[in-house]
Amino acid sequence: MLRSFVFCAVLGLLSSASAGALATRNAPQVNEAFGLYADGDSVGVHSLFYAGGKAMVGDPSNSTSADAFPVSFTRNSASSSSPWTANPNSTTTTDSWSDEMLYIPSSCSSSDEMGFIPSEEANETTTGFIFYGQYVMVKNEAGDISSSFYIRSSSAGEGVYSLLWDAGDDDTAIPVSLRSAKPSNS
């Protein structure tokens, strides 16, 4: 009898702890600033940053770009039809950009690199970004949801990677997940 009680008590505590852990892993709220982190089995966890209009992953201080900055995102709607706006997350430098939208290359683009632009252009898609919990997904016009994020080593600095979309055919591309919260084990 006592053993059953102890088992139930431990199970109840674990359930409460799990529920609490899940509550802290929700998507950022609308108009709440958030960062993004790329998480891959073979490369670990790295933050996303801006460098010359490109979305890069790693430590911006290692970048050879003159305008490499950590990024803070906001979304003004939970809808996938609303772009995610990026701004420099820096107070110590004069930033050369602001209010740019994160984009993935469109299906007709010759590039697989993601980046930032001030207004939507023909070969870039700035909408479709959604959260599944803390994970970033992309919802296309047909309603299909995918997470086809990759990184590739870049010549822009040691430990700096280009963030890619739908680059599964590239042997040098490493699959990653994008998250709004840095994993606690990193």
Protein backbone atom coordinates (compact mmCIF):
# COMPACT_ATOMS: atom_id res chain seq x y z
CA MET A 1 0.00 0.00 0.00
CA LEU A 2 2.75 2.44 0.99
CA ARG A 3 4.69 1.50 -2.16
CA SER A 4 1.65 2.38 -4.33
CA PHE A 5 1.28 5.71 -2.54
CA VAL A 6 4.96 6.58 -3.06
CA PHE A 7 4.76 5.58 -6.72
CA CYS A 8 1.67 7.77 -7.25
CA ALA A 9 3.28 10.68 -5.40
CA VAL A 10 6.45 10.46 -7.53
CA LEU A 11 4.37 10.14 -10.69
CA GLY A 12 2.37 13.23 -9.69
CA LEU A 13 5.55 15.23 -9.07
CA LEU A 14 6.99 14.18 -12.42
CA SER A 15 3.75 15.14 -14.17
CA SER A 16 3.80 18.56 -12.52
CA ALA A 17 7.44 19.08 -13.42
CA SER A 18 6.80 18.04 -17.02
CA ALA A 19 3.81 20.35 -17.32
CA GLY A 20 5.88 23.22 -15.93
CA ALA A 21 8.69 22.51 -18.36
CA LEU A 22 6.27 22.45 -21.26
CA ALA A 23 4.70 25.75 -20.21
CA THR A 24 8.05 27.52 -20.48
CA ARG A 25 8.66 26.17 -23.99
CA ASN A 26 5.79 27.91 -25.74
CA ALA A 27 6.21 30.10 -28.78
CA PRO A 28 7.03 33.77 -28.18
CA GLN A 29 3.97 35.97 -27.89
CA VAL A 30 2.93 38.39 -30.63
CA ASN A 31 5.10 41.57 -30.40
CA GLU A 32 7.50 39.85 -27.95
CA ALA A 33 11.18 40.04 -28.97
CA PHE A 34 12.92 36.70 -29.47
CA GLY A 35 16.11 35.26 -30.86
CA LEU A 36 16.56 32.13 -32.96
CA TYR A 37 18.97 29.25 -32.45
CA ALA A 38 20.07 26.57 -34.90
CA ASP A 39 20.40 23.16 -33.26
CA GLY A 40 22.09 20.29 -35.08
CA ASP A 41 23.39 16.94 -33.89
CA SER A 42 26.88 17.33 -35.35
CA VAL A 43 27.34 21.07 -34.74
CA GLY A 44 25.59 21.88 -31.44
CA VAL A 45 23.60 25.05 -30.84
CA HIS A 46 24.40 28.42 -32.39
CA SER A 47 22.54 31.73 -32.51
CA LEU A 48 21.28 33.25 -35.75
CA PHE A 49 22.79 36.61 -36.68
CA TYR A 50 22.76 39.20 -39.48
CA ALA A 51 25.82 39.70 -41.71
CA GLY A 52 25.56 41.81 -44.84
CA GLY A 53 21.91 40.93 -45.40
CA LYS A 54 22.47 37.18 -44.99
CA ALA A 55 21.19 34.97 -42.18
CA MET A 56 24.23 33.41 -40.54
CA VAL A 57 24.65 31.02 -37.62
CA GLY A 58 27.45 31.11 -35.06
CA ASP A 59 29.21 33.84 -33.11
CA PRO A 60 28.89 37.23 -34.85
CA SER A 61 32.21 38.35 -33.34
CA ASN A 62 33.91 35.65 -35.47
CA SER A 63 32.35 36.99 -38.67
CA THR A 64 34.47 38.80 -41.25
CA SER A 65 31.45 40.99 -42.12
CA ALA A 66 31.68 44.63 -41.04
CA ASP A 67 27.98 44.62 -40.14
CA ALA A 68 27.52 41.36 -38.24
CA PHE A 69 25.01 41.73 -35.40
CA PRO A 70 22.96 39.48 -33.14
CA VAL A 71 19.31 39.63 -34.18
CA SER A 72 16.11 40.19 -32.26
CA PHE A 73 12.88 39.21 -34.03
CA THR A 74 9.27 40.24 -33.52
CA ARG A 75 6.09 39.09 -35.18
CA ASN A 76 3.03 41.30 -35.24
CA SER A 77 0.64 38.40 -35.74
CA ALA A 78 0.55 34.68 -35.03
CA SER A 79 -0.61 34.20 -38.63
CA SER A 80 1.76 32.67 -41.17
CA SER A 81 0.86 35.53 -43.53
CA SER A 82 2.75 38.02 -41.37
CA PRO A 83 6.54 38.46 -41.85
CA TRP A 84 8.99 38.29 -38.96
CA THR A 85 10.80 41.60 -38.49
CA ALA A 86 14.46 41.60 -37.48
CA ASN A 87 16.45 44.33 -35.76
CA PRO A 88 19.99 44.43 -34.40
CA ASN A 89 20.17 43.19 -30.83
CA SER A 90 23.04 45.50 -30.02
CA THR A 91 23.44 48.72 -28.09
CA THR A 92 27.19 49.24 -28.50
CA THR A 93 27.48 49.88 -32.22
CA THR A 94 25.93 52.02 -34.91
CA ASP A 95 23.77 49.62 -36.83
CA SER A 96 23.49 50.00 -40.60
CA TRP A 97 20.11 48.29 -40.89
CA SER A 98 16.77 47.91 -39.09
CA ASP A 99 13.27 46.53 -39.59
CA GLU A 100 14.27 43.91 -42.14
CA MET A 101 12.26 40.77 -42.80
CA LEU A 102 13.62 37.25 -42.53
CA TYR A 103 13.24 35.39 -45.82
CA ILE A 104 13.62 31.98 -47.36
CA PRO A 105 14.49 31.74 -51.05
CA SER A 106 11.42 31.10 -53.21
CA SER A 107 11.16 27.91 -55.26
CA CYS A 108 12.31 29.81 -58.39
CA SER A 109 15.45 31.18 -56.70
CA SER A 110 18.88 29.86 -57.71
CA SER A 111 20.14 30.27 -54.12
CA ASP A 112 19.36 28.27 -51.00
CA GLU A 113 20.68 30.94 -48.59
CA MET A 114 18.31 32.67 -46.19
CA GLY A 115 18.64 36.34 -45.35
CA PHE A 116 17.04 39.67 -44.51
CA ILE A 117 15.42 42.26 -46.80
CA PRO A 118 13.63 45.58 -46.18
CA SER A 119 10.75 44.70 -48.56
CA GLU A 120 9.59 41.52 -50.27
CA GLU A 121 11.24 40.73 -53.59
CA ALA A 122 10.42 38.22 -56.32
CA ASN A 123 12.89 35.49 -55.31
CA GLU A 124 12.41 35.76 -51.55
CA THR A 125 9.51 34.60 -49.40
CA THR A 126 9.02 36.62 -46.20
CA THR A 127 5.84 34.95 -44.96
CA GLY A 128 4.93 31.46 -43.87
CA PHE A 129 6.98 31.33 -40.66
CA ILE A 130 5.12 29.72 -37.77
CA PHE A 131 5.95 28.16 -34.43
CA TYR A 132 5.24 24.63 -33.33
CA GLY A 133 5.95 25.15 -29.64
CA GLN A 134 9.39 26.74 -29.69
CA TYR A 135 10.35 25.25 -33.08
CA VAL A 136 10.21 27.27 -36.31
CA MET A 137 8.34 25.79 -39.26
CA VAL A 138 7.30 27.17 -42.63
CA LYS A 139 3.76 26.90 -43.92
CA ASN A 140 3.47 27.22 -47.70
CA GLU A 141 0.53 28.53 -49.71
CA ALA A 142 -0.92 25.02 -50.04
CA GLY A 143 -0.95 24.70 -46.24
CA ASP A 144 1.91 22.18 -46.06
CA ILE A 145 4.20 22.63 -43.06
CA SER A 146 7.90 21.80 -43.14
CA SER A 147 11.16 22.43 -41.37
CA SER A 148 13.82 22.21 -44.04
CA PHE A 149 16.55 24.30 -42.41
CA TYR A 150 20.23 23.56 -43.01
CA ILE A 151 23.57 25.21 -42.37
CA ARG A 152 26.73 25.13 -44.44
CA SER A 153 30.21 26.16 -43.36
CA SER A 154 30.99 29.66 -44.57
CA SER A 155 34.19 31.47 -45.48
CA ALA A 156 32.83 34.44 -43.47
CA GLY A 157 34.70 33.42 -40.31
CA GLU A 158 35.68 30.52 -38.09
CA GLY A 159 32.64 28.61 -36.81
CA VAL A 160 30.30 30.74 -38.96
CA TYR A 161 27.65 29.01 -41.06
CA SER A 162 25.21 30.17 -43.74
CA LEU A 163 21.57 29.43 -42.90
CA LEU A 164 19.92 27.56 -45.76
CA TRP A 165 16.43 26.54 -46.81
CA ASP A 166 15.62 23.25 -48.56
CA ALA A 167 19.25 22.31 -49.22
CA GLY A 168 18.87 18.55 -48.76
CA ASP A 169 20.56 17.85 -52.11
CA ASP A 170 23.75 19.63 -50.98
CA ASP A 171 26.24 17.11 -49.52
CA THR A 172 27.89 19.88 -47.46
CA ALA A 173 24.62 21.02 -45.85
CA ILE A 174 23.91 19.97 -42.25
CA PRO A 175 20.25 19.64 -41.16
CA VAL A 176 19.27 21.79 -38.16
CA SER A 177 16.15 22.79 -36.32
CA LEU A 178 15.45 26.45 -35.57
CA ARG A 179 14.20 27.25 -32.08
CA SER A 180 13.17 30.37 -30.24
CA ALA A 181 14.73 29.19 -26.98
CA LYS A 182 18.31 28.16 -26.46
CA PRO A 183 18.29 24.53 -25.27
CA SER A 184 19.18 24.21 -21.61
CA ASN A 185 21.86 21.59 -22.29
CA SER A 186 23.97 23.87 -24.47
